[in-house]
C-alpha cells in the first residue's frame, strides 16, 4: 500500500494532467494603463482560447483555465510576509507545452505591470492502495460545483522534509493510518482527519517533486461559502501534530485563498 493523500480528487482522477499556478503580484498601485488594457486582454483571451473555462466545469475537459481574485494570503495560518498576489490563474492540460506556452504569453503581456511567478505539478493515479480506501475516496468525493455555488478556492503548495523522504515506506504509511499504539491514544493520522471533511471539500493533488523544486506537492481545494469553516477545520486538523504527527514533516508554502472569477477581465 502506498501513501494516500485524502485531498487527492478520487480514484478516477485523470492521470498526467499538468497544472500551472500563475501568481500575479502588482508592481505598482497604478496598475495597467487604461489605454493598454483592452489590447492586453484580447491577447490573453486568444492565448486562453484552447482552454475550457473552469468557472463552469465541463465533464471530460482536461484543458482548462480558471481565474481567482485574492481573498487571503497566509503562511502557516498567519498573514504571509511581503506583498500578496492579487490574482492567481490555474491552467491545466495533458500537454505540458500548452501550459508553458500560456505562461510565456502571460508573462510577456503582463510582465511590465506584475511580478509573474508560477508553480507546476502533475496529477497521478492512486496506485497500490487498498480497495477499501479507494472505495471510500470515490464514495465520499463531493460533486464539483461552479464558481457561483463554490466560489472559494485555495492553493497550498507543500514540501516534505529530507527526514520524511529518508523514512522507509512502511514508516511513512504509519503516519497516514490510525496507529495509536505507535503515536499515542489521540492519534488519528492524515487519512482519518481527511475523511472527516471529505464530503464537503473538492480537492485535487498535483505532484511537483523532481519537477518544480519550489515544492513537492500543490494541493487545491474548492468549497462553498457555507463550508468555509469546514475547510478551516480540515487545515487545523491536518496541522495538529498530536492527532496528525505527519505534519511535523511538512513545510507549508504561502497559501492563496481566492474567489473564482468568470473571466480575467473581471479582476485584472
C-alpha atoms as a PDB file:
ATOM      1  CA  UNK A   1       0.000   0.000   0.000  1.00  0.00           C
ATOM      2  CA  UNK A   2       1.339   3.452  -0.860  1.00  0.00           C
ATOM      3  CA  UNK A   3       0.801   6.789   0.831  1.00  0.00           C
ATOM      4  CA  UNK A   4      -2.582   8.300   0.005  1.00  0.00           C
ATOM      5  CA  UNK A   5      -3.420  11.971   0.342  1.00  0.00           C
ATOM      6  CA  UNK A   6      -7.060  12.426   1.242  1.00  0.00           C
ATOM      7  CA  UNK A   7      -7.135  15.614  -0.791  1.00  0.00           C
ATOM      8  CA  UNK A   8      -6.492  13.665  -3.984  1.00  0.00           C
ATOM      9  CA  UNK A   9      -9.511  14.104  -6.230  1.00  0.00           C
ATOM     10  CA  UNK A  10     -10.501  10.455  -6.137  1.00  0.00           C
ATOM     11  CA  UNK A  11      -9.705   7.057  -7.509  1.00  0.00           C
ATOM     12  CA  UNK A  12     -10.696   8.043 -11.044  1.00  0.00           C
ATOM     13  CA  UNK A  13      -8.625  11.226 -11.214  1.00  0.00           C
ATOM     14  CA  UNK A  14      -7.140  11.996 -14.620  1.00  0.00           C
ATOM     15  CA  UNK A  15      -3.531  10.903 -14.705  1.00  0.00           C
ATOM     16  CA  UNK A  16      -0.915  13.153 -16.251  1.00  0.00           C
ATOM     17  CA  UNK A  17      -2.806  16.458 -16.161  1.00  0.00           C
ATOM     18  CA  UNK A  18      -0.315  19.292 -15.823  1.00  0.00           C
ATOM     19  CA  UNK A  19      -1.275  22.226 -13.649  1.00  0.00           C
ATOM     20  CA  UNK A  20       0.365  25.622 -13.852  1.00  0.00           C
ATOM     21  CA  UNK A  21      -0.442  28.017 -10.994  1.00  0.00           C
ATOM     22  CA  UNK A  22       0.437  31.564 -12.036  1.00  0.00           C
ATOM     23  CA  UNK A  23       0.701  34.267  -9.371  1.00  0.00           C
ATOM     24  CA  UNK A  24       0.331  37.934 -10.359  1.00  0.00           C
ATOM     25  CA  UNK A  25       1.613  40.481  -7.850  1.00  0.00           C
ATOM     26  CA  UNK A  26       1.184  44.169  -8.834  1.00  0.00           C
ATOM     27  CA  UNK A  27       4.426  46.096  -9.184  1.00  0.00           C
ATOM     28  CA  UNK A  28       2.736  49.436  -8.514  1.00  0.00           C
ATOM     29  CA  UNK A  29      -0.605  50.755  -7.302  1.00  0.00           C
ATOM     30  CA  UNK A  30      -1.367  52.353 -10.667  1.00  0.00           C
ATOM     31  CA  UNK A  31      -1.893  49.061 -12.486  1.00  0.00           C
ATOM     32  CA  UNK A  32      -2.276  48.703 -16.239  1.00  0.00           C
ATOM     33  CA  UNK A  33      -2.814  51.948 -18.174  1.00  0.00           C
ATOM     34  CA  UNK A  34      -6.388  52.217 -19.402  1.00  0.00           C
ATOM     35  CA  UNK A  35      -5.229  52.634 -22.979  1.00  0.00           C
ATOM     36  CA  UNK A  36      -3.360  49.321 -22.902  1.00  0.00           C
ATOM     37  CA  UNK A  37      -5.774  47.080 -21.030  1.00  0.00           C
ATOM     38  CA  UNK A  38      -8.128  46.176 -23.894  1.00  0.00           C
ATOM     39  CA  UNK A  39      -5.308  45.076 -26.181  1.00  0.00           C
ATOM     40  CA  UNK A  40      -3.701  43.034 -23.403  1.00  0.00           C
ATOM     41  CA  UNK A  41      -6.989  41.323 -22.567  1.00  0.00           C
ATOM     42  CA  UNK A  42      -7.607  40.477 -26.221  1.00  0.00           C
ATOM     43  CA  UNK A  43      -4.147  38.950 -26.463  1.00  0.00           C
ATOM     44  CA  UNK A  44      -4.672  36.872 -23.325  1.00  0.00           C
ATOM     45  CA  UNK A  45      -8.163  35.774 -24.355  1.00  0.00           C
ATOM     46  CA  UNK A  46      -6.648  34.499 -27.592  1.00  0.00           C
ATOM     47  CA  UNK A  47      -3.931  32.652 -25.661  1.00  0.00           C
ATOM     48  CA  UNK A  48      -6.590  31.012 -23.470  1.00  0.00           C
ATOM     49  CA  UNK A  49      -8.852  30.032 -26.372  1.00  0.00           C
ATOM     50  CA  UNK A  50      -7.692  26.417 -26.262  1.00  0.00           C
ATOM     51  CA  UNK A  51      -8.692  26.040 -22.605  1.00  0.00           C
ATOM     52  CA  UNK A  52     -12.233  25.458 -21.319  1.00  0.00           C
ATOM     53  CA  UNK A  53     -13.304  27.995 -18.701  1.00  0.00           C
ATOM     54  CA  UNK A  54     -13.332  26.078 -15.413  1.00  0.00           C
ATOM     55  CA  UNK A  55     -15.645  28.590 -13.744  1.00  0.00           C
ATOM     56  CA  UNK A  56     -18.350  26.316 -15.170  1.00  0.00           C
ATOM     57  CA  UNK A  57     -16.660  22.886 -15.223  1.00  0.00           C
ATOM     58  CA  UNK A  58     -17.467  20.601 -18.144  1.00  0.00           C
ATOM     59  CA  UNK A  59     -17.180  16.845 -17.678  1.00  0.00           C
ATOM     60  CA  UNK A  60     -14.299  15.305 -19.581  1.00  0.00           C
ATOM     61  CA  UNK A  61     -12.441  18.545 -20.231  1.00  0.00           C
ATOM     62  CA  UNK A  62      -8.727  18.221 -19.493  1.00  0.00           C
ATOM     63  CA  UNK A  63      -7.502  21.548 -20.894  1.00  0.00           C
ATOM     64  CA  UNK A  64      -8.965  24.154 -18.552  1.00  0.00           C
ATOM     65  CA  UNK A  65      -8.312  27.596 -17.156  1.00  0.00           C
ATOM     66  CA  UNK A  66      -9.613  29.327 -14.031  1.00  0.00           C
ATOM     67  CA  UNK A  67      -9.082  32.833 -12.627  1.00  0.00           C
ATOM     68  CA  UNK A  68      -9.040  33.838  -8.953  1.00  0.00           C
ATOM     69  CA  UNK A  69      -9.051  37.120  -7.060  1.00  0.00           C
ATOM     70  CA  UNK A  70      -7.063  37.133  -3.816  1.00  0.00           C
ATOM     71  CA  UNK A  71      -9.084  36.838  -0.609  1.00  0.00           C
ATOM     72  CA  UNK A  72      -6.383  35.804   1.864  1.00  0.00           C
ATOM     73  CA  UNK A  73      -2.666  35.127   1.542  1.00  0.00           C
ATOM     74  CA  UNK A  74      -1.228  33.357   4.559  1.00  0.00           C
ATOM     75  CA  UNK A  75       1.773  31.379   5.755  1.00  0.00           C
ATOM     76  CA  UNK A  76       1.230  28.652   8.371  1.00  0.00           C
ATOM     77  CA  UNK A  77      -2.112  30.212   9.280  1.00  0.00           C
ATOM     78  CA  UNK A  78      -0.762  33.755   9.673  1.00  0.00           C
ATOM     79  CA  UNK A  79      -0.573  36.674   7.204  1.00  0.00           C
ATOM     80  CA  UNK A  80       2.255  35.991   4.763  1.00  0.00           C
ATOM     81  CA  UNK A  81       5.200  38.362   4.668  1.00  0.00           C
ATOM     82  CA  UNK A  82       5.585  40.637   1.678  1.00  0.00           C
ATOM     83  CA  UNK A  83       3.108  41.731  -0.932  1.00  0.00           C
ATOM     84  CA  UNK A  84       0.235  39.387  -1.693  1.00  0.00           C
ATOM     85  CA  UNK A  85      -0.576  38.255  -5.227  1.00  0.00           C
ATOM     86  CA  UNK A  86      -3.722  39.994  -6.412  1.00  0.00           C
ATOM     87  CA  UNK A  87      -4.590  37.333  -8.978  1.00  0.00           C
ATOM     88  CA  UNK A  88      -3.920  33.649  -9.484  1.00  0.00           C
ATOM     89  CA  UNK A  89      -4.527  31.729 -12.700  1.00  0.00           C
ATOM     90  CA  UNK A  90      -4.643  27.938 -12.955  1.00  0.00           C
ATOM     91  CA  UNK A  91      -4.056  26.487 -16.433  1.00  0.00           C
ATOM     92  CA  UNK A  92      -4.311  22.721 -16.958  1.00  0.00           C
ATOM     93  CA  UNK A  93      -3.572  20.381 -19.844  1.00  0.00           C
ATOM     94  CA  UNK A  94      -2.409  16.857 -20.584  1.00  0.00           C
ATOM     95  CA  UNK A  95       0.172  18.585 -22.790  1.00  0.00           C
ATOM     96  CA  UNK A  96       2.648  20.487 -20.629  1.00  0.00           C
ATOM     97  CA  UNK A  97       3.757  22.642 -23.569  1.00  0.00           C
ATOM     98  CA  UNK A  98       0.282  24.232 -23.675  1.00  0.00           C
ATOM     99  CA  UNK A  99       0.613  25.271 -20.033  1.00  0.00           C
ATOM    100  CA  UNK A 100       4.150  26.537 -20.634  1.00  0.00           C
ATOM    101  CA  UNK A 101       3.133  28.483 -23.749  1.00  0.00           C
ATOM    102  CA  UNK A 102       0.292  30.203 -21.911  1.00  0.00           C
ATOM    103  CA  UNK A 103       2.663  31.197 -19.114  1.00  0.00           C
ATOM    104  CA  UNK A 104       5.125  32.674 -21.616  1.00  0.00           C
ATOM    105  CA  UNK A 105       2.388  34.684 -23.324  1.00  0.00           C
ATOM    106  CA  UNK A 106       1.014  35.907 -19.996  1.00  0.00           C
ATOM    107  CA  UNK A 107       4.467  36.887 -18.747  1.00  0.00           C
ATOM    108  CA  UNK A 108       5.130  38.860 -21.905  1.00  0.00           C
ATOM    109  CA  UNK A 109       1.778  40.635 -21.738  1.00  0.00           C
ATOM    110  CA  UNK A 110       1.757  41.485 -18.027  1.00  0.00           C
ATOM    111  CA  UNK A 111       5.415  41.490 -17.010  1.00  0.00           C
ATOM    112  CA  UNK A 112       5.636  45.283 -17.067  1.00  0.00           C
ATOM    113  CA  UNK A 113       2.844  45.584 -14.500  1.00  0.00           C
ATOM    114  CA  UNK A 114       3.042  42.414 -12.387  1.00  0.00           C
ATOM    115  CA  UNK A 115       5.650  40.153 -10.907  1.00  0.00           C
ATOM    116  CA  UNK A 116       4.700  36.895 -12.603  1.00  0.00           C
ATOM    117  CA  UNK A 117       5.585  33.646 -10.837  1.00  0.00           C
ATOM    118  CA  UNK A 118       4.313  30.103 -11.177  1.00  0.00           C
ATOM    119  CA  UNK A 119       4.290  26.663  -9.618  1.00  0.00           C
ATOM    120  CA  UNK A 120       3.896  23.474 -11.625  1.00  0.00           C
ATOM    121  CA  UNK A 121       2.674  19.982 -10.814  1.00  0.00           C
ATOM    122  CA  UNK A 122       1.074  16.950 -12.444  1.00  0.00           C
ATOM    123  CA  UNK A 123      -1.740  14.654 -11.320  1.00  0.00           C
ATOM    124  CA  UNK A 124      -1.193  10.946 -10.814  1.00  0.00           C
ATOM    125  CA  UNK A 125      -3.460   7.996 -10.226  1.00  0.00           C
ATOM    126  CA  UNK A 126      -3.593   6.428  -6.783  1.00  0.00           C
ATOM    127  CA  UNK A 127      -1.705   3.162  -7.107  1.00  0.00           C
ATOM    128  CA  UNK A 128      -1.164   0.308  -4.629  1.00  0.00           C
ATOM    129  CA  UNK A 129      -3.923   1.471  -2.324  1.00  0.00           C
ATOM    130  CA  UNK A 130      -6.376  -0.784  -0.568  1.00  0.00           C
ATOM    131  CA  UNK A 131      -9.738  -1.389  -2.194  1.00  0.00           C
ATOM    132  CA  UNK A 132     -11.419  -0.059   0.948  1.00  0.00           C
ATOM    133  CA  UNK A 133      -9.549   3.258   0.777  1.00  0.00           C
ATOM    134  CA  UNK A 134     -10.287   3.662  -2.916  1.00  0.00           C
ATOM    135  CA  UNK A 135     -13.974   2.916  -2.340  1.00  0.00           C
ATOM    136  CA  UNK A 136     -14.175   5.481   0.465  1.00  0.00           C
ATOM    137  CA  UNK A 137     -12.441   8.094  -1.665  1.00  0.00           C
ATOM    138  CA  UNK A 138     -14.825   7.503  -4.546  1.00  0.00           C
ATOM    139  CA  UNK A 139     -17.942   7.358  -2.381  1.00  0.00           C
ATOM    140  CA  UNK A 140     -17.002  10.440  -0.390  1.00  0.00           C
ATOM    141  CA  UNK A 141     -15.929  12.662  -3.259  1.00  0.00           C
ATOM    142  CA  UNK A 142     -18.255  15.673  -3.465  1.00  0.00           C
ATOM    143  CA  UNK A 143     -19.824  16.793  -6.695  1.00  0.00           C
ATOM    144  CA  UNK A 144     -17.820  19.678  -8.056  1.00  0.00           C
ATOM    145  CA  UNK A 145     -19.704  22.956  -8.299  1.00  0.00           C
ATOM    146  CA  UNK A 146     -19.333  26.007 -10.495  1.00  0.00           C
ATOM    147  CA  UNK A 147     -17.892  29.333  -9.447  1.00  0.00           C
ATOM    148  CA  UNK A 148     -21.249  30.521  -8.140  1.00  0.00           C
ATOM    149  CA  UNK A 149     -22.079  27.570  -5.888  1.00  0.00           C
ATOM    150  CA  UNK A 150     -18.446  27.006  -4.842  1.00  0.00           C
ATOM    151  CA  UNK A 151     -16.831  30.440  -5.158  1.00  0.00           C
ATOM    152  CA  UNK A 152     -13.860  29.681  -2.900  1.00  0.00           C
ATOM    153  CA  UNK A 153     -10.602  28.088  -3.996  1.00  0.00           C
ATOM    154  CA  UNK A 154      -7.368  27.560  -2.100  1.00  0.00           C
ATOM    155  CA  UNK A 155      -3.912  26.666  -3.378  1.00  0.00           C
ATOM    156  CA  UNK A 156      -1.471  25.303  -0.802  1.00  0.00           C
ATOM    157  CA  UNK A 157       1.964  24.167  -2.001  1.00  0.00           C
ATOM    158  CA  UNK A 158       3.843  21.985   0.475  1.00  0.00           C
ATOM    159  CA  UNK A 159       7.152  20.174   0.740  1.00  0.00           C
ATOM    160  CA  UNK A 160       8.205  17.276   2.930  1.00  0.00           C
ATOM    161  CA  UNK A 161      11.469  17.449   4.867  1.00  0.00           C
ATOM    162  CA  UNK A 162      14.500  15.368   3.950  1.00  0.00           C
ATOM    163  CA  UNK A 163      13.891  13.397   7.148  1.00  0.00           C
ATOM    164  CA  UNK A 164      10.494  12.351   5.782  1.00  0.00           C
ATOM    165  CA  UNK A 165      11.866  11.095   2.491  1.00  0.00           C
ATOM    166  CA  UNK A 166      14.573   9.195   4.385  1.00  0.00           C
ATOM    167  CA  UNK A 167      11.947   7.140   6.237  1.00  0.00           C
ATOM    168  CA  UNK A 168      11.148   3.654   4.912  1.00  0.00           C
ATOM    169  CA  UNK A 169       7.819   3.489   3.107  1.00  0.00           C
ATOM    170  CA  UNK A 170       6.150   1.420   5.823  1.00  0.00           C
ATOM    171  CA  UNK A 171       7.013   4.022   8.461  1.00  0.00           C
ATOM    172  CA  UNK A 172       5.634   6.822   6.288  1.00  0.00           C
ATOM    173  CA  UNK A 173       2.429   4.828   5.831  1.00  0.00           C
ATOM    174  CA  UNK A 174       2.045   4.563   9.603  1.00  0.00           C
ATOM    175  CA  UNK A 175       1.632   8.343   9.810  1.00  0.00           C
ATOM    176  CA  UNK A 176      -1.260   8.276   7.360  1.00  0.00           C
ATOM    177  CA  UNK A 177      -3.188   5.485   9.063  1.00  0.00           C
ATOM    178  CA  UNK A 178      -4.695   5.495  12.543  1.00  0.00           C
ATOM    179  CA  UNK A 179      -1.966   3.942  14.729  1.00  0.00           C
ATOM    180  CA  UNK A 180      -2.491   4.957  18.384  1.00  0.00           C
ATOM    181  CA  UNK A 181      -0.313   2.060  19.538  1.00  0.00           C
ATOM    182  CA  UNK A 182       2.643   3.828  17.874  1.00  0.00           C
ATOM    183  CA  UNK A 183       1.821   7.527  18.242  1.00  0.00           C
ATOM    184  CA  UNK A 184      -0.424   7.667  21.305  1.00  0.00           C
ATOM    185  CA  UNK A 185      -4.119   7.426  22.113  1.00  0.00           C
ATOM    186  CA  UNK A 186      -5.042  10.731  20.411  1.00  0.00           C
ATOM    187  CA  UNK A 187      -3.523   9.779  17.076  1.00  0.00           C
ATOM    188  CA  UNK A 188      -5.864   9.884  14.073  1.00  0.00           C
ATOM    189  CA  UNK A 189      -3.459  10.183  11.166  1.00  0.00           C
ATOM    190  CA  UNK A 190      -3.719  12.111   7.927  1.00  0.00           C
ATOM    191  CA  UNK A 191      -6.342   9.841   6.388  1.00  0.00           C
ATOM    192  CA  UNK A 192      -8.752   9.851   9.327  1.00  0.00           C
ATOM    193  CA  UNK A 193      -8.578  13.646   9.539  1.00  0.00           C
ATOM    194  CA  UNK A 194      -9.276  13.927   5.830  1.00  0.00           C
ATOM    195  CA  UNK A 195     -12.234  11.551   5.917  1.00  0.00           C
ATOM    196  CA  UNK A 196     -13.928  13.798   8.496  1.00  0.00           C
ATOM    197  CA  UNK A 197     -14.335  16.508   5.847  1.00  0.00           C
ATOM    198  CA  UNK A 198     -14.089  14.620   2.568  1.00  0.00           C
ATOM    199  CA  UNK A 199     -17.731  15.095   1.529  1.00  0.00           C
ATOM    200  CA  UNK A 200     -17.650  18.887   1.773  1.00  0.00           C
ATOM    201  CA  UNK A 201     -14.405  19.967   0.106  1.00  0.00           C
ATOM    202  CA  UNK A 202     -13.445  19.336  -3.527  1.00  0.00           C
ATOM    203  CA  UNK A 203      -9.754  18.590  -3.609  1.00  0.00           C
ATOM    204  CA  UNK A 204      -7.043  17.834  -6.109  1.00  0.00           C
ATOM    205  CA  UNK A 205      -3.372  16.972  -5.705  1.00  0.00           C
ATOM    206  CA  UNK A 206      -0.526  17.804  -8.076  1.00  0.00           C
ATOM    207  CA  UNK A 207       2.891  16.185  -7.695  1.00  0.00           C
ATOM    208  CA  UNK A 208       5.868  18.514  -8.081  1.00  0.00           C
ATOM    209  CA  UNK A 209       8.803  16.568  -6.668  1.00  0.00           C
ATOM    210  CA  UNK A 210      11.598  16.358  -9.265  1.00  0.00           C
ATOM    211  CA  UNK A 211       9.503  18.669 -11.485  1.00  0.00           C
ATOM    212  CA  UNK A 212       9.410  22.030  -9.684  1.00  0.00           C
ATOM    213  CA  UNK A 213      11.910  22.476  -6.879  1.00  0.00           C
ATOM    214  CA  UNK A 214       9.758  25.050  -5.066  1.00  0.00           C
ATOM    215  CA  UNK A 215       7.559  22.329  -3.522  1.00  0.00           C
ATOM    216  CA  UNK A 216       6.833  18.600  -3.539  1.00  0.00           C
ATOM    217  CA  UNK A 217       3.061  18.931  -3.958  1.00  0.00           C
ATOM    218  CA  UNK A 218       0.474  21.553  -4.857  1.00  0.00           C
ATOM    219  CA  UNK A 219      -2.840  20.972  -3.101  1.00  0.00           C
ATOM    220  CA  UNK A 220      -6.008  22.523  -4.474  1.00  0.00           C
ATOM    221  CA  UNK A 221      -9.412  22.934  -2.807  1.00  0.00           C
ATOM    222  CA  UNK A 222     -12.829  24.318  -3.799  1.00  0.00           C
ATOM    223  CA  UNK A 223     -15.745  24.897  -1.445  1.00  0.00           C
ATOM    224  CA  UNK A 224     -18.903  26.899  -0.872  1.00  0.00           C
ATOM    225  CA  UNK A 225     -19.186  29.894   1.430  1.00  0.00           C
ATOM    226  CA  UNK A 226     -21.167  27.690   3.817  1.00  0.00           C
ATOM    227  CA  UNK A 227     -18.267  25.244   4.011  1.00  0.00           C
ATOM    228  CA  UNK A 228     -15.554  27.831   4.661  1.00  0.00           C
ATOM    229  CA  UNK A 229     -15.452  26.807   8.318  1.00  0.00           C
ATOM    230  CA  UNK A 230     -15.241  23.146   7.313  1.00  0.00           C
ATOM    231  CA  UNK A 231     -12.235  23.976   5.171  1.00  0.00           C
ATOM    232  CA  UNK A 232     -10.583  25.750   8.104  1.00  0.00           C
ATOM    233  CA  UNK A 233     -11.277  22.756  10.347  1.00  0.00           C
ATOM    234  CA  UNK A 234      -9.655  20.482   7.771  1.00  0.00           C
ATOM    235  CA  UNK A 235      -6.486  22.567   7.796  1.00  0.00           C
ATOM    236  CA  UNK A 236      -6.499  22.833  11.587  1.00  0.00           C
ATOM    237  CA  UNK A 237      -6.893  19.072  11.850  1.00  0.00           C
ATOM    238  CA  UNK A 238      -4.025  18.369   9.482  1.00  0.00           C
ATOM    239  CA  UNK A 239      -1.796  20.874  11.290  1.00  0.00           C
ATOM    240  CA  UNK A 240      -2.474  19.356  14.722  1.00  0.00           C
ATOM    241  CA  UNK A 241       0.700  17.360  15.355  1.00  0.00           C
ATOM    242  CA  UNK A 242      -0.903  15.464  18.248  1.00  0.00           C
ATOM    243  CA  UNK A 243      -3.593  13.863  16.123  1.00  0.00           C
ATOM    244  CA  UNK A 244      -1.573  14.096  12.888  1.00  0.00           C
ATOM    245  CA  UNK A 245       2.185  13.990  13.646  1.00  0.00           C
ATOM    246  CA  UNK A 246       2.886  13.580   9.917  1.00  0.00           C
ATOM    247  CA  UNK A 247       2.533  17.373   9.678  1.00  0.00           C
ATOM    248  CA  UNK A 248       5.755  17.722  11.635  1.00  0.00           C
ATOM    249  CA  UNK A 249       7.498  16.774   8.398  1.00  0.00           C
ATOM    250  CA  UNK A 250       5.544  19.293   6.309  1.00  0.00           C
ATOM    251  CA  UNK A 251       6.890  22.645   5.158  1.00  0.00           C
ATOM    252  CA  UNK A 252       3.988  24.853   4.110  1.00  0.00           C
ATOM    253  CA  UNK A 253       4.418  27.482   1.413  1.00  0.00           C
ATOM    254  CA  UNK A 254       2.167  30.561   1.259  1.00  0.00           C
ATOM    255  CA  UNK A 255      -1.496  29.636   0.971  1.00  0.00           C
ATOM    256  CA  UNK A 256      -3.561  31.553  -1.589  1.00  0.00           C
ATOM    257  CA  UNK A 257      -7.286  31.656  -0.834  1.00  0.00           C
ATOM    258  CA  UNK A 258      -9.112  33.234  -3.727  1.00  0.00           C
ATOM    259  CA  UNK A 259     -12.541  33.832  -5.180  1.00  0.00           C
ATOM    260  CA  UNK A 260     -13.253  32.212  -8.529  1.00  0.00           C
ATOM    261  CA  UNK A 261     -13.905  34.665 -11.355  1.00  0.00           C
ATOM    262  CA  UNK A 262     -15.713  34.034 -14.632  1.00  0.00           C
ATOM    263  CA  UNK A 263     -13.081  35.885 -16.661  1.00  0.00           C
ATOM    264  CA  UNK A 264      -9.743  37.616 -16.352  1.00  0.00           C
ATOM    265  CA  UNK A 265     -11.427  40.861 -17.367  1.00  0.00           C
ATOM    266  CA  UNK A 266     -13.423  40.856 -14.111  1.00  0.00           C
ATOM    267  CA  UNK A 267     -10.331  41.041 -11.913  1.00  0.00           C
ATOM    268  CA  UNK A 268      -7.477  42.488 -13.989  1.00  0.00           C
END
